[in-house]
Amino acid sequence: MSSMATSSGGADRFLATLPRHRHGLTREEVLNSQRGRLLAATAATIAEHGYASANVREITQRAGVSRKTFYELFQDKEDAFLACFSLALEDLINSVVGAMSDLAAYADPPALAEAAFSAMLNSLAEQPDFTRMFFLEALGAGPRVRLRRDEVIDEITRLTLLPMNALREAETPSRPELDHEDVLMFIGGGHELIVHHLARHEPATLPELLPRFVRRYQRI
């Protein structure tokens, strides 16, 4: 998720301001830049104040974008929150898939599984605002956000099922195949482990959970 980092996350993909002189950008390019800054500002504002207390005024001020433009791009705060969710999911999945793309780089299946968990935790650690928003604020937001959260967990479960079974078969062919519910319980348990950790520690420390994820994977 390093490509999604906000001002507190380290990168500036979404926070690069438009030049003040005549820049020659198309209307679509301008809106894309403004949308990116608004998404980063939405994540930062919600991470700082919580979903209930975050408001469009602070989001637009933080992004340096007008309220008029905000409402051209999003229906409301919830709509911007949902857009952050989708972007965070895409980037997280890309990080994990990228870590697993070269099977030849790993000597054995457990090493590949560990690399995937490491990519996930490091990706979350690099994006503190998005991580807090996803793991700590989603349950307190509106029903559309909670529904999207459940869809995200289900989507991750679906994408994880096949590679997890492939790893298990390569490591120990006699192990029984996992079904969707097995993996959902693993993903859900991992989600709660991260929530529990974030209640006490900063997102930057999430890679410390790697040994615990590996142990849980080995036991299912």
C-alpha atoms as a PDB file:
ATOM      1  CA  MET A   1       0.000   0.000   0.000  1.00  0.00           C
ATOM      2  CA  SER A   2       2.955   2.292  -0.123  1.00  0.00           C
ATOM      3  CA  SER A   3       1.522   3.861  -3.254  1.00  0.00           C
ATOM      4  CA  MET A   4      -1.456   5.055  -1.210  1.00  0.00           C
ATOM      5  CA  ALA A   5       0.375   6.712   1.629  1.00  0.00           C
ATOM      6  CA  THR A   6      -0.890   9.986   3.008  1.00  0.00           C
ATOM      7  CA  SER A   7       1.090  12.778   4.639  1.00  0.00           C
ATOM      8  CA  SER A   8       1.542  10.700   7.791  1.00  0.00           C
ATOM      9  CA  GLY A   9       2.256   7.568   5.799  1.00  0.00           C
ATOM     10  CA  GLY A  10       5.438   8.611   4.000  1.00  0.00           C
ATOM     11  CA  ALA A  11       4.610   8.903   0.288  1.00  0.00           C
ATOM     12  CA  ASP A  12       2.871  11.712  -1.566  1.00  0.00           C
ATOM     13  CA  ARG A  13       1.150  10.151  -4.567  1.00  0.00           C
ATOM     14  CA  PHE A  14      -2.199  11.648  -3.553  1.00  0.00           C
ATOM     15  CA  LEU A  15      -0.881  14.821  -1.942  1.00  0.00           C
ATOM     16  CA  ALA A  16       1.029  16.348  -4.837  1.00  0.00           C
ATOM     17  CA  THR A  17      -0.551  19.789  -5.276  1.00  0.00           C
ATOM     18  CA  LEU A  18      -1.501  21.144  -8.648  1.00  0.00           C
ATOM     19  CA  PRO A  19       0.847  23.822 -10.002  1.00  0.00           C
ATOM     20  CA  ARG A  20      -0.450  27.363  -9.494  1.00  0.00           C
ATOM     21  CA  HIS A  21       0.592  28.597 -12.918  1.00  0.00           C
ATOM     22  CA  ARG A  22      -1.086  27.568 -16.162  1.00  0.00           C
ATOM     23  CA  HIS A  23      -0.436  23.849 -16.118  1.00  0.00           C
ATOM     24  CA  GLY A  24      -2.065  22.696 -19.337  1.00  0.00           C
ATOM     25  CA  LEU A  25      -3.761  19.717 -17.679  1.00  0.00           C
ATOM     26  CA  THR A  26      -7.078  18.472 -18.952  1.00  0.00           C
ATOM     27  CA  ARG A  27     -10.194  18.742 -16.801  1.00  0.00           C
ATOM     28  CA  GLU A  28     -10.074  14.974 -16.273  1.00  0.00           C
ATOM     29  CA  GLU A  29      -6.438  15.114 -15.110  1.00  0.00           C
ATOM     30  CA  VAL A  30      -7.241  17.918 -12.690  1.00  0.00           C
ATOM     31  CA  LEU A  31     -10.221  16.010 -11.241  1.00  0.00           C
ATOM     32  CA  ASN A  32      -8.155  12.834 -10.898  1.00  0.00           C
ATOM     33  CA  SER A  33      -5.513  14.733  -8.936  1.00  0.00           C
ATOM     34  CA  GLN A  34      -8.147  16.397  -6.761  1.00  0.00           C
ATOM     35  CA  ARG A  35      -9.901  13.079  -6.181  1.00  0.00           C
ATOM     36  CA  GLY A  36      -6.647  11.495  -5.047  1.00  0.00           C
ATOM     37  CA  ARG A  37      -5.962  14.329  -2.608  1.00  0.00           C
ATOM     38  CA  LEU A  38      -9.507  14.088  -1.250  1.00  0.00           C
ATOM     39  CA  LEU A  39      -9.161  10.340  -0.703  1.00  0.00           C
ATOM     40  CA  ALA A  40      -5.894  10.823   1.180  1.00  0.00           C
ATOM     41  CA  ALA A  41      -7.448  13.635   3.223  1.00  0.00           C
ATOM     42  CA  THR A  42     -10.508  11.508   3.979  1.00  0.00           C
ATOM     43  CA  ALA A  43      -8.339   8.704   5.341  1.00  0.00           C
ATOM     44  CA  ALA A  44      -6.178  11.098   7.375  1.00  0.00           C
ATOM     45  CA  THR A  45      -9.162  12.966   8.829  1.00  0.00           C
ATOM     46  CA  ILE A  46     -11.043   9.817   9.794  1.00  0.00           C
ATOM     47  CA  ALA A  47      -7.888   8.274  11.277  1.00  0.00           C
ATOM     48  CA  GLU A  48      -7.346  11.403  13.379  1.00  0.00           C
ATOM     49  CA  HIS A  49     -10.901  12.158  14.525  1.00  0.00           C
ATOM     50  CA  GLY A  50     -12.877   8.969  13.946  1.00  0.00           C
ATOM     51  CA  TYR A  51     -15.599   8.466  11.353  1.00  0.00           C
ATOM     52  CA  ALA A  52     -18.402  10.104  13.334  1.00  0.00           C
ATOM     53  CA  SER A  53     -16.455  13.307  14.026  1.00  0.00           C
ATOM     54  CA  ALA A  54     -14.845  13.685  10.614  1.00  0.00           C
ATOM     55  CA  ASN A  55     -16.525  16.245   8.363  1.00  0.00           C
ATOM     56  CA  VAL A  56     -16.364  17.351   4.756  1.00  0.00           C
ATOM     57  CA  ARG A  57     -15.108  20.818   5.671  1.00  0.00           C
ATOM     58  CA  GLU A  58     -11.918  19.510   7.270  1.00  0.00           C
ATOM     59  CA  ILE A  59     -11.423  16.958   4.505  1.00  0.00           C
ATOM     60  CA  THR A  60     -11.548  19.628   1.813  1.00  0.00           C
ATOM     61  CA  GLN A  61      -9.325  22.006   3.783  1.00  0.00           C
ATOM     62  CA  ARG A  62      -6.750  19.281   4.329  1.00  0.00           C
ATOM     63  CA  ALA A  63      -6.831  18.368   0.632  1.00  0.00           C
ATOM     64  CA  GLY A  64      -6.771  21.963  -0.592  1.00  0.00           C
ATOM     65  CA  VAL A  65      -9.896  21.320  -2.669  1.00  0.00           C
ATOM     66  CA  SER A  66     -13.208  23.189  -2.649  1.00  0.00           C
ATOM     67  CA  ARG A  67     -16.430  21.764  -1.193  1.00  0.00           C
ATOM     68  CA  LYS A  68     -17.999  22.235  -4.618  1.00  0.00           C
ATOM     69  CA  THR A  69     -15.389  19.944  -6.158  1.00  0.00           C
ATOM     70  CA  PHE A  70     -15.826  17.410  -3.335  1.00  0.00           C
ATOM     71  CA  TYR A  71     -19.528  17.094  -4.149  1.00  0.00           C
ATOM     72  CA  GLU A  72     -18.761  16.817  -7.848  1.00  0.00           C
ATOM     73  CA  LEU A  73     -16.698  13.733  -7.056  1.00  0.00           C
ATOM     74  CA  PHE A  74     -18.486  12.164  -4.068  1.00  0.00           C
ATOM     75  CA  GLN A  75     -22.048  12.106  -2.792  1.00  0.00           C
ATOM     76  CA  ASP A  76     -21.006  12.532   0.840  1.00  0.00           C
ATOM     77  CA  LYS A  77     -18.422  11.529   3.446  1.00  0.00           C
ATOM     78  CA  GLU A  78     -19.581   7.922   3.336  1.00  0.00           C
ATOM     79  CA  ASP A  79     -19.094   7.794  -0.425  1.00  0.00           C
ATOM     80  CA  ALA A  80     -15.513   9.066  -0.053  1.00  0.00           C
ATOM     81  CA  PHE A  81     -14.920   6.520   2.708  1.00  0.00           C
ATOM     82  CA  LEU A  82     -16.123   3.714   0.438  1.00  0.00           C
ATOM     83  CA  ALA A  83     -13.825   4.901  -2.338  1.00  0.00           C
ATOM     84  CA  CYS A  84     -10.894   4.724   0.109  1.00  0.00           C
ATOM     85  CA  PHE A  85     -11.902   1.176   0.958  1.00  0.00           C
ATOM     86  CA  SER A  86     -11.842   0.075  -2.663  1.00  0.00           C
ATOM     87  CA  LEU A  87      -8.473   1.679  -3.313  1.00  0.00           C
ATOM     88  CA  ALA A  88      -6.967   0.223  -0.141  1.00  0.00           C
ATOM     89  CA  LEU A  89      -8.181  -3.259  -1.047  1.00  0.00           C
ATOM     90  CA  GLU A  90      -6.759  -3.048  -4.573  1.00  0.00           C
ATOM     91  CA  ASP A  91      -3.360  -1.937  -3.332  1.00  0.00           C
ATOM     92  CA  LEU A  92      -3.237  -4.520  -0.531  1.00  0.00           C
ATOM     93  CA  ILE A  93      -4.081  -7.358  -2.903  1.00  0.00           C
ATOM     94  CA  ASN A  94      -1.458  -6.153  -5.378  1.00  0.00           C
ATOM     95  CA  SER A  95       1.159  -6.194  -2.609  1.00  0.00           C
ATOM     96  CA  VAL A  96       0.373  -9.757  -1.581  1.00  0.00           C
ATOM     97  CA  VAL A  97       0.036 -11.066  -5.145  1.00  0.00           C
ATOM     98  CA  GLY A  98       3.324  -9.406  -6.037  1.00  0.00           C
ATOM     99  CA  ALA A  99       5.045 -11.195  -3.158  1.00  0.00           C
ATOM    100  CA  MET A 100       3.711 -14.555  -4.388  1.00  0.00           C
ATOM    101  CA  SER A 101       4.239 -14.006  -8.112  1.00  0.00           C
ATOM    102  CA  ASP A 102       7.675 -15.602  -8.381  1.00  0.00           C
ATOM    103  CA  LEU A 103       7.362 -19.078  -6.876  1.00  0.00           C
ATOM    104  CA  ALA A 104      10.927 -19.913  -7.863  1.00  0.00           C
ATOM    105  CA  ALA A 105      12.254 -17.272  -5.478  1.00  0.00           C
ATOM    106  CA  TYR A 106      11.223 -19.367  -2.482  1.00  0.00           C
ATOM    107  CA  ALA A 107      12.745 -22.678  -1.497  1.00  0.00           C
ATOM    108  CA  ASP A 108       9.576 -24.140  -0.006  1.00  0.00           C
ATOM    109  CA  PRO A 109       5.853 -23.392   0.430  1.00  0.00           C
ATOM    110  CA  PRO A 110       6.158 -22.152   4.049  1.00  0.00           C
ATOM    111  CA  ALA A 111       8.674 -19.541   2.865  1.00  0.00           C
ATOM    112  CA  LEU A 112       6.220 -18.369   0.217  1.00  0.00           C
ATOM    113  CA  ALA A 113       3.387 -18.139   2.763  1.00  0.00           C
ATOM    114  CA  GLU A 114       5.633 -16.148   5.103  1.00  0.00           C
ATOM    115  CA  ALA A 115       6.543 -13.777   2.260  1.00  0.00           C
ATOM    116  CA  ALA A 116       2.850 -13.152   1.533  1.00  0.00           C
ATOM    117  CA  PHE A 117       2.040 -12.421   5.196  1.00  0.00           C
ATOM    118  CA  SER A 118       5.082 -10.175   5.427  1.00  0.00           C
ATOM    119  CA  ALA A 119       4.003  -8.226   2.329  1.00  0.00           C
ATOM    120  CA  MET A 120       0.533  -7.734   3.796  1.00  0.00           C
ATOM    121  CA  LEU A 121       1.742  -6.542   7.212  1.00  0.00           C
ATOM    122  CA  ASN A 122       4.395  -4.251   5.757  1.00  0.00           C
ATOM    123  CA  SER A 123       1.864  -2.806   3.352  1.00  0.00           C
ATOM    124  CA  LEU A 124      -0.504  -2.016   6.225  1.00  0.00           C
ATOM    125  CA  ALA A 125       2.349  -0.588   8.318  1.00  0.00           C
ATOM    126  CA  GLU A 126       3.267   1.822   5.531  1.00  0.00           C
ATOM    127  CA  GLN A 127      -0.300   3.182   5.410  1.00  0.00           C
ATOM    128  CA  PRO A 128      -1.264   4.153   8.976  1.00  0.00           C
ATOM    129  CA  ASP A 129      -4.246   6.308   8.033  1.00  0.00           C
ATOM    130  CA  PHE A 130      -5.813   3.765   5.717  1.00  0.00           C
ATOM    131  CA  THR A 131      -5.050   0.950   8.150  1.00  0.00           C
ATOM    132  CA  ARG A 132      -6.730   2.702  11.088  1.00  0.00           C
ATOM    133  CA  MET A 133      -9.672   3.600   8.889  1.00  0.00           C
ATOM    134  CA  PHE A 134     -10.184   0.037   7.677  1.00  0.00           C
ATOM    135  CA  PHE A 135      -9.606  -1.849  10.924  1.00  0.00           C
ATOM    136  CA  LEU A 136     -10.792   0.606  13.583  1.00  0.00           C
ATOM    137  CA  GLU A 137     -13.343   2.938  12.017  1.00  0.00           C
ATOM    138  CA  ALA A 138     -15.344   0.791   9.603  1.00  0.00           C
ATOM    139  CA  LEU A 139     -17.557  -0.836  12.228  1.00  0.00           C
ATOM    140  CA  GLY A 140     -18.602   2.553  13.588  1.00  0.00           C
ATOM    141  CA  ALA A 141     -19.514   3.945  10.188  1.00  0.00           C
ATOM    142  CA  GLY A 142     -22.804   3.578   8.335  1.00  0.00           C
ATOM    143  CA  PRO A 143     -24.409   0.386   7.021  1.00  0.00           C
ATOM    144  CA  ARG A 144     -22.978   0.842   3.514  1.00  0.00           C
ATOM    145  CA  VAL A 145     -19.471   0.976   4.964  1.00  0.00           C
ATOM    146  CA  ARG A 146     -20.041  -2.074   7.151  1.00  0.00           C
ATOM    147  CA  LEU A 147     -21.437  -3.963   4.162  1.00  0.00           C
ATOM    148  CA  ARG A 148     -18.404  -3.012   2.081  1.00  0.00           C
ATOM    149  CA  ARG A 149     -16.121  -4.151   4.916  1.00  0.00           C
ATOM    150  CA  ASP A 150     -17.807  -7.553   4.907  1.00  0.00           C
ATOM    151  CA  GLU A 151     -17.485  -7.723   1.118  1.00  0.00           C
ATOM    152  CA  VAL A 152     -13.775  -6.912   1.380  1.00  0.00           C
ATOM    153  CA  ILE A 153     -13.181  -9.719   3.882  1.00  0.00           C
ATOM    154  CA  ASP A 154     -15.157 -12.133   1.712  1.00  0.00           C
ATOM    155  CA  GLU A 155     -13.240 -11.074  -1.399  1.00  0.00           C
ATOM    156  CA  ILE A 156      -9.891 -11.559   0.326  1.00  0.00           C
ATOM    157  CA  THR A 157     -11.097 -14.984   1.490  1.00  0.00           C
ATOM    158  CA  ARG A 158     -12.085 -15.954  -2.056  1.00  0.00           C
ATOM    159  CA  LEU A 159      -8.753 -14.781  -3.477  1.00  0.00           C
ATOM    160  CA  THR A 160      -6.809 -16.580  -0.743  1.00  0.00           C
ATOM    161  CA  LEU A 161      -8.566 -19.955  -0.898  1.00  0.00           C
ATOM    162  CA  LEU A 162      -6.902 -21.348  -4.034  1.00  0.00           C
ATOM    163  CA  PRO A 163      -3.293 -20.328  -3.229  1.00  0.00           C
ATOM    164  CA  MET A 164      -3.600 -21.542   0.362  1.00  0.00           C
ATOM    165  CA  ASN A 165      -4.763 -24.957  -0.816  1.00  0.00           C
ATOM    166  CA  ALA A 166      -2.006 -25.059  -3.414  1.00  0.00           C
ATOM    167  CA  LEU A 167       0.606 -24.307  -0.762  1.00  0.00           C
ATOM    168  CA  ARG A 168      -0.804 -26.936   1.577  1.00  0.00           C
ATOM    169  CA  GLU A 169      -0.790 -29.584  -1.162  1.00  0.00           C
ATOM    170  CA  ALA A 170       2.776 -28.726  -2.174  1.00  0.00           C
ATOM    171  CA  GLU A 171       3.940 -28.934   1.431  1.00  0.00           C
ATOM    172  CA  THR A 172       1.912 -31.947   2.636  1.00  0.00           C
ATOM    173  CA  PRO A 173      -0.248 -33.632  -0.028  1.00  0.00           C
ATOM    174  CA  SER A 174      -2.177 -35.622   2.575  1.00  0.00           C
ATOM    175  CA  ARG A 175      -3.563 -32.526   4.333  1.00  0.00           C
ATOM    176  CA  PRO A 176      -7.309 -32.053   3.763  1.00  0.00           C
ATOM    177  CA  GLU A 177      -8.387 -29.268   1.416  1.00  0.00           C
ATOM    178  CA  LEU A 178      -9.681 -26.051   2.946  1.00  0.00           C
ATOM    179  CA  ASP A 179     -13.110 -24.678   2.060  1.00  0.00           C
ATOM    180  CA  HIS A 180     -14.323 -21.074   1.995  1.00  0.00           C
ATOM    181  CA  GLU A 181     -15.442 -21.167   5.618  1.00  0.00           C
ATOM    182  CA  ASP A 182     -12.052 -22.484   6.797  1.00  0.00           C
ATOM    183  CA  VAL A 183     -10.231 -19.611   5.136  1.00  0.00           C
ATOM    184  CA  LEU A 184     -12.851 -17.075   6.242  1.00  0.00           C
ATOM    185  CA  MET A 185     -12.230 -18.083   9.850  1.00  0.00           C
ATOM    186  CA  PHE A 186      -8.470 -17.705   9.306  1.00  0.00           C
ATOM    187  CA  ILE A 187      -8.884 -14.283   7.652  1.00  0.00           C
ATOM    188  CA  GLY A 188     -11.358 -13.172  10.312  1.00  0.00           C
ATOM    189  CA  GLY A 189      -9.018 -14.274  13.079  1.00  0.00           C
ATOM    190  CA  GLY A 190      -6.159 -12.404  11.447  1.00  0.00           C
ATOM    191  CA  HIS A 191      -8.359  -9.323  11.152  1.00  0.00           C
ATOM    192  CA  GLU A 192      -9.156  -9.422  14.878  1.00  0.00           C
ATOM    193  CA  LEU A 193      -5.487  -9.965  15.717  1.00  0.00           C
ATOM    194  CA  ILE A 194      -4.643  -6.769  13.833  1.00  0.00           C
ATOM    195  CA  VAL A 195      -7.503  -4.862  15.507  1.00  0.00           C
ATOM    196  CA  HIS A 196      -6.316  -6.007  18.936  1.00  0.00           C
ATOM    197  CA  HIS A 197      -2.763  -4.917  18.111  1.00  0.00           C
ATOM    198  CA  LEU A 198      -3.818  -1.496  16.784  1.00  0.00           C
ATOM    199  CA  ALA A 199      -5.746  -0.757  19.979  1.00  0.00           C
ATOM    200  CA  ARG A 200      -2.394  -0.703  21.785  1.00  0.00           C
ATOM    201  CA  HIS A 201       0.289  -0.035  19.198  1.00  0.00           C
ATOM    202  CA  GLU A 202       1.014   2.076  16.141  1.00  0.00           C
ATOM    203  CA  PRO A 203       0.440   0.607  12.652  1.00  0.00           C
ATOM    204  CA  ALA A 204       4.193   0.781  12.012  1.00  0.00           C
ATOM    205  CA  THR A 205       4.643  -2.117  14.449  1.00  0.00           C
ATOM    206  CA  LEU A 206       2.312  -4.508  12.576  1.00  0.00           C
ATOM    207  CA  PRO A 207       5.209  -6.500  11.030  1.00  0.00           C
ATOM    208  CA  GLU A 208       5.876  -7.743  14.566  1.00  0.00           C
ATOM    209  CA  LEU A 209       2.801  -9.970  14.114  1.00  0.00           C
ATOM    210  CA  LEU A 210       4.441 -12.002  11.338  1.00  0.00           C
ATOM    211  CA  PRO A 211       5.473 -14.989  13.522  1.00  0.00           C
ATOM    212  CA  ARG A 212       1.927 -15.231  14.889  1.00  0.00           C
ATOM    213  CA  PHE A 213       0.407 -15.279  11.386  1.00  0.00           C
ATOM    214  CA  VAL A 214       2.850 -17.954  10.299  1.00  0.00           C
ATOM    215  CA  ARG A 215       2.037 -20.099  13.344  1.00  0.00           C
ATOM    216  CA  ARG A 216      -1.702 -19.795  12.732  1.00  0.00           C
ATOM    217  CA  TYR A 217      -1.225 -20.719   9.063  1.00  0.00           C
ATOM    218  CA  GLN A 218       0.755 -23.809  10.037  1.00  0.00           C
ATOM    219  CA  ARG A 219      -2.022 -24.966  12.376  1.00  0.00           C
ATOM    220  CA  ILE A 220      -5.009 -24.808  10.041  1.00  0.00           C
END
